[in-house]
Structures are given as C-alpha cells and as structure tokens.
Amino acid sequence: MGKGTAFVIGATGQIGRAAVRALAEDGWEVRAASRGGGSDPGWPDGVRPLALDRDGEGALAAALGDGCDVLVDMVAYDGGHARQLAGLADRIGSAVVISSGAVYEDDRGRSFDTQAEPDGSPRYPVPIPETLATVAPGDRTYGTRKIQLERELLASGLPSTLLRAGAIHGPHCRGPRELFFVKRALDGRPVRVLAHGGRSRFHPAHVANIAELIRLAALRPGSRVLNAADPQAPTVAEISAAVDEVLGVRSETVLFEGAPQEGLVGLTPWGGPHPIVYDMAQAERELGYRPVTGYVQSLPETVASIADRLGDKDWREAFPGMANYPDLFDYAAEDAWLAGRA
C-alpha cells in the first residue's frame, strides 16, 4: 500500500538522488523536481521527473497542483524560501528541509562565520546537541540564512523537519573533500602533511544516511530540528589512511601541531583546531533513526566516483564546487616545507 505523495525539490542533486530513491522504494509516489527535469538510473520505475525553477513567479505553486503529502526541499536557503513554502501550506501535508550544522555557535559567539578571524575557530561541545545556541538570523552568511529559514518555517504552522547536515559525502558530490587524499594517491605523492596533529574532525554525513532521515521524517510529520550525520566522526588522519587503503597505496603521514604552515601546508577540507561532532541521539529518539552506512563502509564507492570524474581533467574543472578552496595541491610548497623541516 502506498504511503502517499512526495514532492522533492532539488531531486537530481547529491542528496536529492538518494532521497528520491529512498522514498520511492518505501512506497511513496514521488514527483522529482529539478531545474533540468532530469532523472537518475538508480530510481525505481514510477518516479515522475519534472523541470522546475522554484524562483520563477508562481512556478512552484503550478508544479504542486493539488498538493502533496510531504514536500522535501534540498535547496531551500533563506527566509524567502521559508515564506514560499509557508504560502503553500494548504497544499502541503508536511515538509522535510535540509539545513546545516553551520548554524551553531559556541559560548563565546564563535561559529563557522568567525573562523577567518584571530582565535575565531569555534570550540563546540562534543557532541553538539540541537539545543546549542545558533547564530542570529539574517542575510549576511550561509549560516545566518539557514537559521532564518529554520525559524520562519518553524513559526509558520507548516509541520517541518529541519535536518542540520554535517560534512556531506557520497556519490555525485560537486565538492568532495575526499579529493584531497584521492588525488594525492593517484598522483603518487609519498606523504600526507596534516596540521593540528592530524586530529581535526568534521563530522561526515553520507547521503544515504540523510535520505534515511528524510524517509523517517516523512512518515512522522512534526516541527523539529535534528542533526544529520554518520555514526562515526573520524579524524583527518584516519580518513587519509582509509583512502589509501581503498586505493591500495602506502604513504607517510607527517603531522605537526598548530595551524597550517605558510598558509597552505597541512591545510585540508576538514581542518580545524577543535572537533566538530554532532549528537544523533535526538533523531534516534524521535524518528527511530538507525544509520544505513558508515564512513569507512561507504568510502570505496565515494573514492571510485571521484577517481572516475577526475580522470585527466584539472581538479577545479572536474569539481567546480571546490573552486573556492585555495590550491590544495601545491606540492612544491609541501616539498619546500618538508626540506626545511628536515
């Protein structure tokens, strides 16, 4: 027996692909909306793709038609999108919306937004509960826009589950952090130089685990915020070793304390002096959530997809989502630093 109708916005994105599949396999009648109106070979028969520019005047209302039992929104970003969904609440049974762990701040008001400032790195409790303070809502940054989205949706009366995702990973990622180690292994680099003693931790969230949270939240409508992350939060040194293991290579790990040297040496996409680990107990209590995969367990598929997409292309061309990073592969700078250290 079918569960009802689900309308997914951002269906061909990284999380969207997994969410559509999870919902369809669970018995939902799924309409999969994306800008291009594309499909995915992993989706079951019966999924109905459609093209949607959700920012077009009246476009979402027209696409919704008579409505849906649950709307799943991968790309809602700010208060404007919250108001858009709230304005259609009479046609939406409940909503599940992707937010971000970037909304948290520590007891000194430090957050993801302050990391570029002196002593700006947040020192969060381990693990971070959903009750931790958050940044003020506004239009200034990614985190302030996401908390604006959360607060307006929760105040709207539309039953909404907001999922505060960690460091998203898995297939179809436009900016996979694992590229840092995959490319080094493929390039035959003999060393991995890591700042902060290799202890940096930025809690990963596999798309399959997020999709499972979406599936469960769709079955249990309510107004809540929940963290979304994997069962483990490995250190950057453990991730390095795990990628090497998948690719069958051996490398030397060079660790040093403190921040990256000369700007870049030792810098990684997980870098930070203090661990970021999300508490998943609330999702377990409210939804009966159990993760469907772990970081190391899922890594072979992730690594294979990165290697295949990279091919012979420049890394920024292959992964435009990483274009804002500094040069993560300045091997000459690494070699010069290593020579000076020796």
Protein backbone atom coordinates (compact mmCIF):
# COMPACT_ATOMS: atom_id res chain seq x y z
CA MET A 1 0.00 0.00 0.00
CA GLY A 2 1.39 3.43 -0.95
CA LYS A 3 2.50 5.90 1.68
CA GLY A 4 1.17 8.96 -0.17
CA THR A 5 2.59 11.59 -2.49
CA ALA A 6 6.03 13.16 -2.12
CA PHE A 7 7.29 16.22 -3.99
CA VAL A 8 11.10 16.58 -3.99
CA ILE A 9 12.80 19.89 -4.89
CA GLY A 10 16.43 19.52 -5.96
CA ALA A 11 15.89 15.90 -6.95
CA THR A 12 18.98 15.50 -9.14
CA GLY A 13 21.39 16.98 -6.60
CA GLN A 14 23.61 14.88 -4.40
CA ILE A 15 21.14 14.36 -1.55
CA GLY A 16 18.11 14.52 -3.82
CA ARG A 17 19.09 11.47 -5.85
CA ALA A 18 19.36 9.34 -2.72
CA ALA A 19 16.21 10.78 -1.14
CA VAL A 20 14.03 10.16 -4.21
CA ARG A 21 15.22 6.57 -4.32
CA ALA A 22 14.61 6.01 -0.59
CA LEU A 23 11.11 7.46 -0.73
CA ALA A 24 10.12 5.62 -3.91
CA GLU A 25 11.41 2.29 -2.58
CA ASP A 26 9.43 2.90 0.61
CA GLY A 27 6.18 3.14 -1.33
CA TRP A 28 5.76 6.89 -1.91
CA GLU A 29 4.50 8.24 -5.21
CA VAL A 30 7.35 10.64 -5.99
CA ARG A 31 7.48 13.71 -8.20
CA ALA A 32 11.15 14.60 -8.66
CA ALA A 33 11.64 18.29 -9.48
CA SER A 34 14.90 19.85 -10.66
CA ARG A 35 15.95 22.73 -12.90
CA GLY A 36 16.76 20.41 -15.77
CA GLY A 37 13.93 17.96 -15.16
CA GLY A 38 16.39 15.06 -15.27
CA SER A 39 16.20 11.54 -13.92
CA ASP A 40 18.61 9.06 -12.33
CA PRO A 41 19.21 5.45 -13.37
CA GLY A 42 19.07 4.37 -9.73
CA TRP A 43 15.48 5.50 -9.28
CA PRO A 44 12.72 2.87 -9.31
CA ASP A 45 10.07 2.86 -12.01
CA GLY A 46 7.22 5.23 -11.32
CA VAL A 47 9.24 8.28 -10.26
CA ARG A 48 7.97 11.27 -12.24
CA PRO A 49 10.69 13.82 -13.11
CA LEU A 50 9.71 17.41 -13.89
CA ALA A 51 11.51 20.67 -14.64
CA LEU A 52 11.16 23.42 -12.03
CA ASP A 53 12.78 26.78 -11.38
CA ARG A 54 11.43 27.30 -7.88
CA ASP A 55 12.31 31.03 -8.01
CA GLY A 56 10.14 31.63 -11.08
CA GLU A 57 6.94 33.56 -10.36
CA GLY A 58 4.24 31.05 -9.45
CA ALA A 59 6.33 28.12 -10.72
CA LEU A 60 6.30 26.04 -7.54
CA ALA A 61 2.58 26.56 -7.00
CA ALA A 62 1.85 25.46 -10.55
CA ALA A 63 4.08 22.40 -10.25
CA LEU A 64 2.47 21.37 -6.95
CA GLY A 65 -1.00 21.42 -8.45
CA ASP A 66 -3.41 19.92 -5.93
CA GLY A 67 -0.52 19.42 -3.49
CA CYS A 68 1.37 16.61 -1.80
CA ASP A 69 1.52 14.74 1.48
CA VAL A 70 5.16 15.62 2.04
CA LEU A 71 7.42 18.15 0.35
CA VAL A 72 11.17 17.51 0.59
CA ASP A 73 13.34 20.54 -0.11
CA MET A 74 17.08 20.08 -0.70
CA VAL A 75 17.82 23.63 -1.80
CA ALA A 76 15.79 25.97 0.42
CA TYR A 77 18.23 28.63 1.54
CA ASP A 78 16.69 31.55 3.41
CA GLY A 79 13.61 33.30 4.75
CA GLY A 80 12.26 33.89 1.26
CA HIS A 81 12.13 30.15 0.59
CA ALA A 82 10.54 29.59 4.02
CA ARG A 83 7.81 32.07 3.15
CA GLN A 84 7.36 30.44 -0.24
CA LEU A 85 6.66 27.06 1.37
CA ALA A 86 4.51 28.56 4.13
CA GLY A 87 2.40 30.31 1.48
CA LEU A 88 1.56 26.89 0.03
CA ALA A 89 0.91 25.21 3.38
CA ASP A 90 -2.70 24.50 2.46
CA ARG A 91 -1.38 22.16 -0.25
CA ILE A 92 1.49 20.58 1.72
CA GLY A 93 0.89 17.99 4.42
CA SER A 94 4.37 18.39 5.93
CA ALA A 95 7.87 19.39 4.89
CA VAL A 96 11.37 17.98 5.32
CA VAL A 97 14.04 20.59 4.61
CA ILE A 98 17.83 20.42 4.54
CA SER A 99 19.53 22.90 6.85
CA SER A 100 23.15 22.92 8.04
CA GLY A 101 25.32 22.34 11.08
CA ALA A 102 26.85 25.72 10.21
CA VAL A 103 24.08 27.40 12.23
CA TYR A 104 25.64 26.60 15.63
CA GLU A 105 27.76 28.96 17.73
CA ASP A 106 29.78 28.31 20.89
CA ASP A 107 29.51 30.00 24.29
CA ARG A 108 31.74 32.85 23.07
CA GLY A 109 29.65 33.52 19.98
CA ARG A 110 32.12 31.85 17.61
CA SER A 111 30.81 29.90 14.62
CA PHE A 112 31.73 28.84 11.10
CA ASP A 113 31.43 32.52 10.20
CA THR A 114 34.28 33.61 12.53
CA GLN A 115 36.96 31.09 11.59
CA ALA A 116 38.93 33.55 9.47
CA GLU A 117 39.32 35.87 12.48
CA PRO A 118 42.10 35.58 15.11
CA ASP A 119 41.05 32.89 17.61
CA GLY A 120 37.82 32.65 15.65
CA SER A 121 37.53 28.86 15.44
CA PRO A 122 34.50 27.71 17.42
CA ARG A 123 35.01 25.36 20.36
CA TYR A 124 31.81 23.34 20.36
CA PRO A 125 30.83 20.72 22.93
CA VAL A 126 31.40 17.12 21.81
CA PRO A 127 28.94 16.01 20.61
CA ILE A 128 26.85 19.06 19.61
CA PRO A 129 23.18 18.81 20.69
CA GLU A 130 20.38 20.52 18.78
CA THR A 131 19.82 22.72 21.85
CA LEU A 132 23.14 24.54 21.39
CA ALA A 133 22.87 28.26 20.63
CA THR A 134 22.79 29.34 16.99
CA VAL A 135 23.88 32.37 15.04
CA ALA A 136 21.43 35.26 14.65
CA PRO A 137 19.21 35.04 11.56
CA GLY A 138 19.92 37.41 8.69
CA ASP A 139 21.15 37.75 5.12
CA ARG A 140 24.88 38.01 5.86
CA THR A 141 26.22 34.44 5.57
CA TYR A 142 25.26 30.87 4.73
CA GLY A 143 24.71 30.07 8.40
CA THR A 144 22.61 33.17 9.13
CA ARG A 145 20.43 32.49 6.09
CA LYS A 146 19.89 28.87 7.07
CA ILE A 147 18.82 29.79 10.62
CA GLN A 148 16.48 32.38 9.12
CA LEU A 149 15.00 29.58 7.00
CA GLU A 150 14.62 27.35 10.07
CA ARG A 151 12.96 29.92 12.31
CA GLU A 152 10.49 31.18 9.75
CA LEU A 153 9.44 27.65 8.78
CA LEU A 154 9.05 26.53 12.40
CA ALA A 155 6.92 29.60 13.13
CA SER A 156 4.77 29.17 10.00
CA GLY A 157 2.47 26.41 11.22
CA LEU A 158 3.56 24.07 8.41
CA PRO A 159 4.86 20.89 10.12
CA SER A 160 8.54 20.99 9.16
CA THR A 161 11.55 18.83 9.99
CA LEU A 162 14.83 20.73 9.53
CA LEU A 163 17.89 18.49 9.11
CA ARG A 164 21.18 20.11 10.14
CA ALA A 165 23.60 18.24 7.92
CA GLY A 166 27.29 17.70 8.65
CA ALA A 167 30.05 17.36 6.03
CA ILE A 168 28.05 15.76 3.21
CA HIS A 169 29.77 12.97 1.27
CA GLY A 170 28.97 10.21 -1.18
CA PRO A 171 28.45 9.91 -4.95
CA HIS A 172 27.55 12.91 -7.14
CA CYS A 173 29.25 15.47 -4.87
CA ARG A 174 30.36 18.66 -6.66
CA GLY A 175 32.96 19.40 -3.99
CA PRO A 176 34.11 16.14 -2.38
CA ARG A 177 36.54 16.68 0.48
CA GLU A 178 37.97 13.21 -0.16
CA LEU A 179 39.52 14.57 -3.37
CA PHE A 180 42.32 15.96 -1.17
CA PHE A 181 43.56 12.42 -0.49
CA VAL A 182 42.31 10.65 -3.62
CA LYS A 183 44.27 12.94 -5.96
CA ARG A 184 47.41 12.63 -3.86
CA ALA A 185 47.20 8.85 -4.04
CA LEU A 186 46.57 8.90 -7.80
CA ASP A 187 49.45 11.37 -8.29
CA GLY A 188 51.83 9.06 -6.41
CA ARG A 189 52.53 11.57 -3.63
CA PRO A 190 54.53 9.73 -0.93
CA VAL A 191 53.46 11.93 2.02
CA ARG A 192 50.35 13.36 3.66
CA VAL A 193 51.13 16.54 5.60
CA LEU A 194 48.48 17.34 8.22
CA ALA A 195 48.17 20.31 10.56
CA HIS A 196 46.68 20.16 14.07
CA GLY A 197 48.39 16.82 14.69
CA GLY A 198 46.01 15.11 12.25
CA ARG A 199 43.29 15.23 14.91
CA SER A 200 40.84 17.53 13.05
CA ARG A 201 37.31 16.12 12.95
CA PHE A 202 34.43 17.47 10.87
CA HIS A 203 31.55 15.03 11.24
CA PRO A 204 30.66 13.50 7.86
CA ALA A 205 27.10 12.82 6.69
CA HIS A 206 26.61 10.28 3.93
CA VAL A 207 23.77 10.96 1.52
CA ALA A 208 22.25 7.54 2.25
CA ASN A 209 22.02 8.37 5.96
CA ILE A 210 20.44 11.75 5.21
CA ALA A 211 17.99 10.03 2.86
CA GLU A 212 17.05 7.64 5.66
CA LEU A 213 16.36 10.58 7.97
CA ILE A 214 14.19 12.12 5.25
CA ARG A 215 12.28 8.85 4.81
CA LEU A 216 11.60 8.56 8.54
CA ALA A 217 10.63 12.22 8.93
CA ALA A 218 8.18 11.90 6.04
CA LEU A 219 6.45 9.11 7.97
CA ARG A 220 6.34 11.13 11.22
CA PRO A 221 5.32 14.72 10.44
CA GLY A 222 6.23 17.30 13.05
CA SER A 223 8.03 20.58 13.71
CA ARG A 224 11.59 19.89 14.83
CA VAL A 225 15.29 20.38 14.16
CA LEU A 226 17.54 17.33 14.01
CA ASN A 227 21.22 16.79 13.36
CA ALA A 228 22.13 14.67 10.34
CA ALA A 229 25.46 12.84 10.44
CA ASP A 230 27.16 9.45 10.22
CA PRO A 231 27.62 7.07 13.16
CA GLN A 232 31.35 7.90 13.31
CA ALA A 233 33.36 11.12 13.06
CA PRO A 234 36.87 10.02 12.02
CA THR A 235 39.93 12.24 12.35
CA VAL A 236 41.55 13.61 9.21
CA ALA A 237 44.48 11.22 9.76
CA GLU A 238 42.06 8.28 9.88
CA ILE A 239 40.38 9.47 6.67
CA SER A 240 43.79 9.72 4.98
CA ALA A 241 44.65 6.14 5.95
CA ALA A 242 41.22 4.88 4.87
CA VAL A 243 41.51 6.44 1.39
CA ASP A 244 44.99 4.96 0.97
CA GLU A 245 43.58 1.57 1.96
CA VAL A 246 40.80 1.78 -0.64
CA LEU A 247 43.27 2.70 -3.40
CA GLY A 248 45.88 0.17 -2.29
CA VAL A 249 48.69 2.67 -1.71
CA ARG A 250 51.01 3.40 1.18
CA SER A 251 52.15 6.85 2.23
CA GLU A 252 53.98 8.52 5.09
CA THR A 253 51.93 10.77 7.36
CA VAL A 254 53.72 13.90 8.56
CA LEU A 255 51.93 15.56 11.46
CA PHE A 256 52.61 18.88 13.11
CA GLU A 257 50.84 20.85 15.80
CA GLY A 258 49.06 24.11 15.20
CA ALA A 259 47.65 25.80 12.13
CA PRO A 260 48.74 25.18 8.51
CA GLN A 261 52.21 26.49 7.72
CA GLU A 262 52.86 29.24 5.19
CA GLY A 263 49.14 29.47 4.56
CA LEU A 264 48.58 26.13 2.84
CA VAL A 265 50.91 23.38 4.02
CA GLY A 266 48.92 20.98 6.18
CA LEU A 267 45.58 22.54 5.23
CA THR A 268 42.74 20.09 4.48
CA PRO A 269 38.99 20.47 3.85
CA TRP A 270 38.41 19.01 7.33
CA GLY A 271 40.97 21.27 9.02
CA GLY A 272 40.33 22.95 12.35
CA PRO A 273 41.85 23.06 15.82
CA HIS A 274 38.68 21.85 17.55
CA PRO A 275 36.46 18.85 16.73
CA ILE A 276 33.01 19.25 15.17
CA VAL A 277 30.88 16.25 16.10
CA TYR A 278 27.08 16.16 16.01
CA ASP A 279 24.87 14.36 18.53
CA MET A 280 22.45 11.97 16.81
CA ALA A 281 20.53 10.86 19.91
CA GLN A 282 17.56 13.13 19.22
CA ALA A 283 16.98 11.61 15.76
CA GLU A 284 17.17 8.17 17.28
CA ARG A 285 14.58 9.06 19.91
CA GLU A 286 12.15 11.00 17.71
CA LEU A 287 12.35 9.03 14.48
CA GLY A 288 13.79 5.67 15.46
CA TYR A 289 16.73 6.52 13.20
CA ARG A 290 19.48 3.99 12.60
CA PRO A 291 22.27 4.76 10.13
CA VAL A 292 22.35 2.69 6.95
CA THR A 293 26.09 3.08 6.36
CA GLY A 294 29.29 4.30 7.97
CA TYR A 295 32.12 6.47 6.69
CA VAL A 296 34.68 3.72 6.02
CA GLN A 297 32.00 1.33 4.79
CA SER A 298 30.81 3.83 2.17
CA LEU A 299 34.25 5.07 1.13
CA PRO A 300 35.02 2.67 -1.78
CA GLU A 301 32.02 3.93 -3.78
CA THR A 302 32.88 7.55 -2.99
CA VAL A 303 36.53 7.13 -4.00
CA ALA A 304 35.62 5.33 -7.23
CA SER A 305 33.21 8.11 -8.23
CA ILE A 306 35.83 10.79 -7.53
CA ALA A 307 38.55 8.99 -9.49
CA ASP A 308 36.22 8.38 -12.44
CA ARG A 309 35.06 12.01 -12.56
CA LEU A 310 38.57 13.41 -12.15
CA GLY A 311 40.13 11.40 -14.97
CA ASP A 312 42.72 13.57 -16.73
CA LYS A 313 40.91 16.86 -16.02
CA ASP A 314 42.09 19.71 -13.86
CA TRP A 315 40.60 19.21 -10.40
CA ARG A 316 38.77 22.54 -10.42
CA GLU A 317 37.21 21.73 -13.79
CA ALA A 318 36.14 18.28 -12.60
CA PHE A 319 34.79 19.58 -9.29
CA PRO A 320 33.61 23.18 -9.66
CA GLY A 321 32.16 23.03 -6.18
CA MET A 322 35.74 23.20 -4.87
CA ALA A 323 36.67 26.29 -6.86
CA ASN A 324 36.56 28.47 -3.74
CA TYR A 325 39.22 26.45 -1.99
CA PRO A 326 42.84 27.63 -2.18
CA ASP A 327 45.28 25.44 -4.08
CA LEU A 328 45.02 22.15 -2.20
CA PHE A 329 47.67 20.52 -4.39
CA ASP A 330 50.66 22.87 -4.16
CA TYR A 331 53.17 20.05 -3.99
CA ALA A 332 56.12 22.40 -4.48
CA ALA A 333 55.21 24.28 -1.30
CA GLU A 334 54.85 21.00 0.57
CA ASP A 335 58.23 19.78 -0.66
CA ALA A 336 59.94 23.05 0.27
CA TRP A 337 58.44 22.93 3.77
CA LEU A 338 59.45 19.30 4.21
CA ALA A 339 63.00 20.07 3.06
CA GLY A 340 63.27 22.95 5.52
CA ARG A 341 61.89 20.81 8.32
CA ALA A 342 64.44 18.08 7.60
